[in-house]
Amino acid sequence: MVEDWEVDDPHGKPPDEVRAIRDDIENRVKELIDNRLDAIRTDQTSHQIRLQRLLPQLVEEFEGQRDPEVIRACADAVLQRYADAPVRSFVLTLAYRQTRDCLREDECALIAV
């Protein structure tokens, strides 16, 4: 269900109208949390985007040393560690470093199991 999420700009409006806009936003956020939070949490889109951003650098660095499948599996395993992180802005940098460290080992411990 796609709804119209456009909201009037409250700038310069009287306090009563601003309160109504604020209350509307609050209700929409509550509805989103009540009805879509599980879907948002389980959505793999951000994971896939991060994986797409990590892989070219890793493939370039480890080409000829590691199979592309191993590189992808290692990066995927590292990113999974951050699936429940409440703030994920730092994840890409950490995941890149951890994946590189793991791939430099004789055997990637994250996918060896």
N, C-alpha and C. Protein backbone atom coordinates (compact mmCIF):
# COMPACT_ATOMS: atom_id res chain seq x y z
N MET A 1 0.83 -1.17 0.00
CA MET A 1 0.00 0.00 0.00
C MET A 1 0.89 1.25 0.00
N VAL A 2 0.79 2.03 -1.06
CA VAL A 2 1.57 3.25 -1.17
C VAL A 2 0.66 4.42 -0.84
N GLU A 3 1.12 5.23 0.08
CA GLU A 3 0.34 6.39 0.48
C GLU A 3 1.05 7.66 0.05
N ASP A 4 0.31 8.73 0.03
CA ASP A 4 0.87 10.04 -0.25
C ASP A 4 1.58 10.53 1.00
N TRP A 5 2.90 10.60 0.95
CA TRP A 5 3.67 11.01 2.13
C TRP A 5 4.07 12.47 2.06
N GLU A 6 3.55 13.21 1.09
CA GLU A 6 3.87 14.63 1.03
C GLU A 6 3.19 15.35 2.19
N VAL A 7 3.90 16.26 2.78
CA VAL A 7 3.39 17.02 3.92
C VAL A 7 3.57 18.50 3.59
N ASP A 8 2.58 19.29 3.97
CA ASP A 8 2.68 20.74 3.78
C ASP A 8 3.88 21.29 4.55
N ASP A 9 4.53 22.28 3.97
CA ASP A 9 5.62 22.96 4.66
C ASP A 9 5.01 23.87 5.72
N PRO A 10 5.38 23.68 6.97
CA PRO A 10 4.77 24.48 8.04
C PRO A 10 5.33 25.90 8.15
N HIS A 11 6.37 26.20 7.38
CA HIS A 11 7.01 27.51 7.49
C HIS A 11 6.00 28.63 7.26
N GLY A 12 5.91 29.53 8.22
CA GLY A 12 5.08 30.71 8.10
C GLY A 12 3.60 30.48 8.37
N LYS A 13 3.24 29.25 8.73
CA LYS A 13 1.83 28.95 9.00
C LYS A 13 1.51 29.23 10.46
N PRO A 14 0.24 29.46 10.75
CA PRO A 14 -0.15 29.70 12.14
C PRO A 14 0.07 28.45 13.00
N PRO A 15 0.25 28.63 14.29
CA PRO A 15 0.53 27.50 15.20
C PRO A 15 -0.47 26.35 15.10
N ASP A 16 -1.74 26.64 14.92
CA ASP A 16 -2.73 25.57 14.82
C ASP A 16 -2.48 24.68 13.61
N GLU A 17 -2.13 25.28 12.49
CA GLU A 17 -1.84 24.50 11.29
C GLU A 17 -0.55 23.70 11.45
N VAL A 18 0.44 24.30 12.11
CA VAL A 18 1.72 23.61 12.35
C VAL A 18 1.48 22.39 13.25
N ARG A 19 0.64 22.56 14.28
CA ARG A 19 0.32 21.43 15.17
C ARG A 19 -0.36 20.31 14.39
N ALA A 20 -1.27 20.68 13.50
CA ALA A 20 -1.97 19.68 12.71
C ALA A 20 -1.00 18.91 11.81
N ILE A 21 -0.05 19.61 11.21
CA ILE A 21 0.97 18.97 10.36
C ILE A 21 1.84 18.06 11.21
N ARG A 22 2.26 18.55 12.38
CA ARG A 22 3.08 17.75 13.29
C ARG A 22 2.34 16.49 13.73
N ASP A 23 1.08 16.63 14.07
CA ASP A 23 0.28 15.49 14.51
C ASP A 23 0.10 14.47 13.38
N ASP A 24 -0.06 14.98 12.16
CA ASP A 24 -0.20 14.09 11.00
C ASP A 24 1.09 13.28 10.81
N ILE A 25 2.22 13.94 10.90
CA ILE A 25 3.51 13.25 10.76
C ILE A 25 3.67 12.21 11.87
N GLU A 26 3.34 12.58 13.08
CA GLU A 26 3.44 11.65 14.20
C GLU A 26 2.57 10.42 13.97
N ASN A 27 1.35 10.62 13.51
CA ASN A 27 0.45 9.49 13.24
C ASN A 27 0.98 8.59 12.14
N ARG A 28 1.55 9.19 11.11
CA ARG A 28 2.11 8.39 10.02
C ARG A 28 3.30 7.55 10.49
N VAL A 29 4.14 8.14 11.32
CA VAL A 29 5.29 7.40 11.85
C VAL A 29 4.83 6.25 12.74
N LYS A 30 3.85 6.53 13.60
CA LYS A 30 3.32 5.46 14.46
C LYS A 30 2.72 4.33 13.62
N GLU A 31 1.99 4.69 12.58
CA GLU A 31 1.41 3.66 11.71
C GLU A 31 2.50 2.86 11.00
N LEU A 32 3.53 3.54 10.56
CA LEU A 32 4.65 2.85 9.92
C LEU A 32 5.28 1.86 10.88
N ILE A 33 5.52 2.27 12.10
CA ILE A 33 6.13 1.39 13.09
C ILE A 33 5.21 0.23 13.42
N ASP A 34 3.94 0.51 13.59
CA ASP A 34 2.98 -0.54 13.95
C ASP A 34 2.78 -1.56 12.83
N ASN A 35 2.80 -1.11 11.59
CA ASN A 35 2.41 -1.98 10.48
C ASN A 35 3.54 -2.44 9.56
N ARG A 36 4.70 -1.77 9.61
CA ARG A 36 5.75 -2.10 8.63
C ARG A 36 7.12 -2.36 9.23
N LEU A 37 7.26 -2.25 10.52
CA LEU A 37 8.58 -2.35 11.13
C LEU A 37 9.25 -3.70 10.86
N ASP A 38 8.52 -4.78 10.97
CA ASP A 38 9.10 -6.10 10.71
C ASP A 38 9.59 -6.21 9.27
N ALA A 39 8.81 -5.70 8.34
CA ALA A 39 9.20 -5.74 6.93
C ALA A 39 10.45 -4.89 6.69
N ILE A 40 10.52 -3.75 7.35
CA ILE A 40 11.69 -2.89 7.21
C ILE A 40 12.93 -3.58 7.77
N ARG A 41 12.79 -4.20 8.92
CA ARG A 41 13.94 -4.86 9.55
C ARG A 41 14.44 -6.06 8.74
N THR A 42 13.56 -6.76 8.08
CA THR A 42 13.97 -7.96 7.34
C THR A 42 14.31 -7.67 5.88
N ASP A 43 14.14 -6.43 5.45
CA ASP A 43 14.44 -6.07 4.07
C ASP A 43 15.95 -6.18 3.83
N GLN A 44 16.32 -6.89 2.80
CA GLN A 44 17.73 -7.12 2.49
C GLN A 44 18.31 -6.09 1.52
N THR A 45 17.55 -5.08 1.16
CA THR A 45 18.01 -4.10 0.18
C THR A 45 19.32 -3.44 0.59
N SER A 46 19.41 -2.95 1.81
CA SER A 46 20.63 -2.27 2.25
C SER A 46 21.81 -3.23 2.27
N HIS A 47 21.57 -4.48 2.67
CA HIS A 47 22.63 -5.49 2.66
C HIS A 47 23.14 -5.69 1.23
N GLN A 48 22.23 -5.82 0.29
CA GLN A 48 22.62 -6.04 -1.10
C GLN A 48 23.36 -4.83 -1.67
N ILE A 49 22.93 -3.64 -1.32
CA ILE A 49 23.61 -2.43 -1.79
C ILE A 49 25.03 -2.37 -1.24
N ARG A 50 25.19 -2.67 0.04
CA ARG A 50 26.53 -2.67 0.63
C ARG A 50 27.41 -3.74 -0.02
N LEU A 51 26.84 -4.89 -0.27
CA LEU A 51 27.59 -5.96 -0.93
C LEU A 51 28.05 -5.52 -2.32
N GLN A 52 27.17 -4.86 -3.06
CA GLN A 52 27.52 -4.37 -4.40
C GLN A 52 28.61 -3.31 -4.34
N ARG A 53 28.64 -2.54 -3.28
CA ARG A 53 29.68 -1.51 -3.14
C ARG A 53 31.01 -2.11 -2.70
N LEU A 54 30.97 -3.16 -1.89
CA LEU A 54 32.20 -3.78 -1.39
C LEU A 54 32.90 -4.64 -2.45
N LEU A 55 32.13 -5.41 -3.17
CA LEU A 55 32.70 -6.44 -4.03
C LEU A 55 33.68 -5.94 -5.09
N PRO A 56 33.42 -4.85 -5.82
CA PRO A 56 34.40 -4.45 -6.84
C PRO A 56 35.79 -4.20 -6.28
N GLN A 57 35.87 -3.52 -5.14
CA GLN A 57 37.17 -3.25 -4.52
C GLN A 57 37.85 -4.55 -4.10
N LEU A 58 37.08 -5.44 -3.51
CA LEU A 58 37.64 -6.69 -3.02
C LEU A 58 38.07 -7.59 -4.16
N VAL A 59 37.27 -7.67 -5.20
CA VAL A 59 37.62 -8.50 -6.35
C VAL A 59 38.89 -7.97 -7.00
N GLU A 60 38.98 -6.66 -7.12
CA GLU A 60 40.19 -6.06 -7.71
C GLU A 60 41.42 -6.39 -6.87
N GLU A 61 41.30 -6.28 -5.57
CA GLU A 61 42.45 -6.52 -4.69
C GLU A 61 42.83 -8.00 -4.61
N PHE A 62 41.84 -8.88 -4.61
CA PHE A 62 42.12 -10.30 -4.38
C PHE A 62 41.98 -11.16 -5.64
N GLU A 63 41.85 -10.53 -6.79
CA GLU A 63 41.75 -11.27 -8.04
C GLU A 63 43.01 -12.10 -8.25
N GLY A 64 42.83 -13.34 -8.56
CA GLY A 64 43.95 -14.25 -8.74
C GLY A 64 44.40 -14.92 -7.45
N GLN A 65 44.00 -14.37 -6.30
CA GLN A 65 44.35 -14.95 -5.01
C GLN A 65 43.19 -15.73 -4.42
N ARG A 66 41.97 -15.24 -4.68
CA ARG A 66 40.75 -15.85 -4.14
C ARG A 66 39.72 -15.97 -5.24
N ASP A 67 38.93 -17.03 -5.19
CA ASP A 67 37.83 -17.18 -6.13
C ASP A 67 36.78 -16.11 -5.83
N PRO A 68 36.13 -15.60 -6.87
CA PRO A 68 35.07 -14.60 -6.64
C PRO A 68 33.98 -15.08 -5.69
N GLU A 69 33.68 -16.38 -5.71
CA GLU A 69 32.66 -16.91 -4.81
C GLU A 69 33.09 -16.81 -3.36
N VAL A 70 34.38 -17.02 -3.11
CA VAL A 70 34.91 -16.92 -1.75
C VAL A 70 34.88 -15.47 -1.28
N ILE A 71 35.25 -14.56 -2.17
CA ILE A 71 35.23 -13.13 -1.84
C ILE A 71 33.81 -12.70 -1.48
N ARG A 72 32.85 -13.12 -2.30
CA ARG A 72 31.46 -12.74 -2.04
C ARG A 72 30.96 -13.37 -0.73
N ALA A 73 31.26 -14.63 -0.51
CA ALA A 73 30.80 -15.31 0.70
C ALA A 73 31.38 -14.68 1.95
N CYS A 74 32.64 -14.30 1.89
CA CYS A 74 33.28 -13.66 3.03
C CYS A 74 32.66 -12.29 3.30
N ALA A 75 32.50 -11.49 2.26
CA ALA A 75 31.90 -10.16 2.42
C ALA A 75 30.47 -10.29 2.94
N ASP A 76 29.75 -11.25 2.43
CA ASP A 76 28.38 -11.48 2.87
C ASP A 76 28.34 -11.85 4.36
N ALA A 77 29.25 -12.72 4.77
CA ALA A 77 29.31 -13.14 6.18
C ALA A 77 29.66 -11.97 7.09
N VAL A 78 30.59 -11.14 6.66
CA VAL A 78 30.96 -9.97 7.47
C VAL A 78 29.78 -9.01 7.58
N LEU A 79 29.10 -8.74 6.48
CA LEU A 79 27.96 -7.83 6.52
C LEU A 79 26.83 -8.37 7.40
N GLN A 80 26.65 -9.67 7.43
CA GLN A 80 25.60 -10.27 8.26
C GLN A 80 25.82 -9.95 9.74
N ARG A 81 27.07 -9.77 10.13
CA ARG A 81 27.37 -9.43 11.52
C ARG A 81 26.69 -8.12 11.94
N TYR A 82 26.45 -7.25 10.97
CA TYR A 82 25.89 -5.93 11.26
C TYR A 82 24.41 -5.82 10.91
N ALA A 83 23.76 -6.92 10.66
CA ALA A 83 22.35 -6.89 10.26
C ALA A 83 21.46 -6.25 11.31
N ASP A 84 21.80 -6.39 12.57
CA ASP A 84 20.97 -5.84 13.64
C ASP A 84 21.53 -4.55 14.23
N ALA A 85 22.55 -4.00 13.60
CA ALA A 85 23.13 -2.76 14.12
C ALA A 85 22.13 -1.62 13.97
N PRO A 86 21.85 -0.89 15.06
CA PRO A 86 20.85 0.18 14.97
C PRO A 86 21.30 1.33 14.09
N VAL A 87 22.59 1.61 14.05
CA VAL A 87 23.13 2.65 13.18
C VAL A 87 24.13 1.97 12.25
N ARG A 88 23.88 2.08 10.98
CA ARG A 88 24.70 1.33 10.04
C ARG A 88 25.58 2.19 9.16
N SER A 89 25.73 3.45 9.46
CA SER A 89 26.51 4.34 8.61
C SER A 89 27.99 3.94 8.56
N PHE A 90 28.47 3.32 9.59
CA PHE A 90 29.87 2.93 9.68
C PHE A 90 30.13 1.53 9.12
N VAL A 91 29.10 0.81 8.79
CA VAL A 91 29.21 -0.61 8.46
C VAL A 91 30.11 -0.86 7.26
N LEU A 92 29.97 -0.08 6.22
CA LEU A 92 30.72 -0.34 5.00
C LEU A 92 32.23 -0.30 5.24
N THR A 93 32.69 0.69 5.97
CA THR A 93 34.12 0.81 6.26
C THR A 93 34.61 -0.37 7.09
N LEU A 94 33.88 -0.70 8.14
CA LEU A 94 34.28 -1.83 8.98
C LEU A 94 34.22 -3.15 8.22
N ALA A 95 33.17 -3.33 7.44
CA ALA A 95 33.02 -4.58 6.68
C ALA A 95 34.15 -4.74 5.66
N TYR A 96 34.52 -3.66 5.03
CA TYR A 96 35.62 -3.72 4.06
C TYR A 96 36.92 -4.14 4.74
N ARG A 97 37.22 -3.51 5.86
CA ARG A 97 38.45 -3.85 6.58
C ARG A 97 38.44 -5.30 7.07
N GLN A 98 37.32 -5.70 7.65
CA GLN A 98 37.23 -7.06 8.19
C GLN A 98 37.27 -8.11 7.07
N THR A 99 36.64 -7.83 5.96
CA THR A 99 36.67 -8.78 4.84
C THR A 99 38.08 -8.89 4.28
N ARG A 100 38.76 -7.77 4.13
CA ARG A 100 40.15 -7.80 3.65
C ARG A 100 41.03 -8.60 4.60
N ASP A 101 40.88 -8.37 5.90
CA ASP A 101 41.68 -9.11 6.88
C ASP A 101 41.41 -10.60 6.78
N CYS A 102 40.15 -10.95 6.66
CA CYS A 102 39.78 -12.36 6.58
C CYS A 102 40.33 -13.01 5.30
N LEU A 103 40.22 -12.29 4.18
CA LEU A 103 40.69 -12.85 2.91
C LEU A 103 42.20 -12.93 2.83
N ARG A 104 42.90 -12.18 3.64
CA ARG A 104 44.37 -12.25 3.68
C ARG A 104 44.86 -13.48 4.43
N GLU A 105 43.99 -14.04 5.27
CA GLU A 105 44.34 -15.26 6.00
C GLU A 105 44.44 -16.42 5.00
N ASP A 106 45.10 -17.50 5.43
CA ASP A 106 45.20 -18.69 4.56
C ASP A 106 43.83 -19.23 4.21
N GLU A 107 42.90 -19.14 5.17
CA GLU A 107 41.54 -19.61 4.95
C GLU A 107 40.60 -18.64 5.65
N CYS A 108 39.56 -18.24 4.95
CA CYS A 108 38.58 -17.30 5.53
C CYS A 108 37.81 -18.03 6.63
N ALA A 109 38.04 -17.64 7.88
CA ALA A 109 37.43 -18.31 9.01
C ALA A 109 35.90 -18.17 9.03
N LEU A 110 35.40 -17.11 8.46
CA LEU A 110 33.96 -16.87 8.49
C LEU A 110 33.17 -17.83 7.61
N ILE A 111 33.82 -18.35 6.57
CA ILE A 111 33.10 -19.27 5.67
C ILE A 111 33.66 -20.68 5.72
N ALA A 112 34.67 -20.89 6.55
CA ALA A 112 35.28 -22.21 6.65
C ALA A 112 34.39 -23.21 7.39
N VAL A 113 33.48 -22.68 8.22
CA VAL A 113 32.63 -23.54 9.05
C VAL A 113 31.63 -24.27 8.19
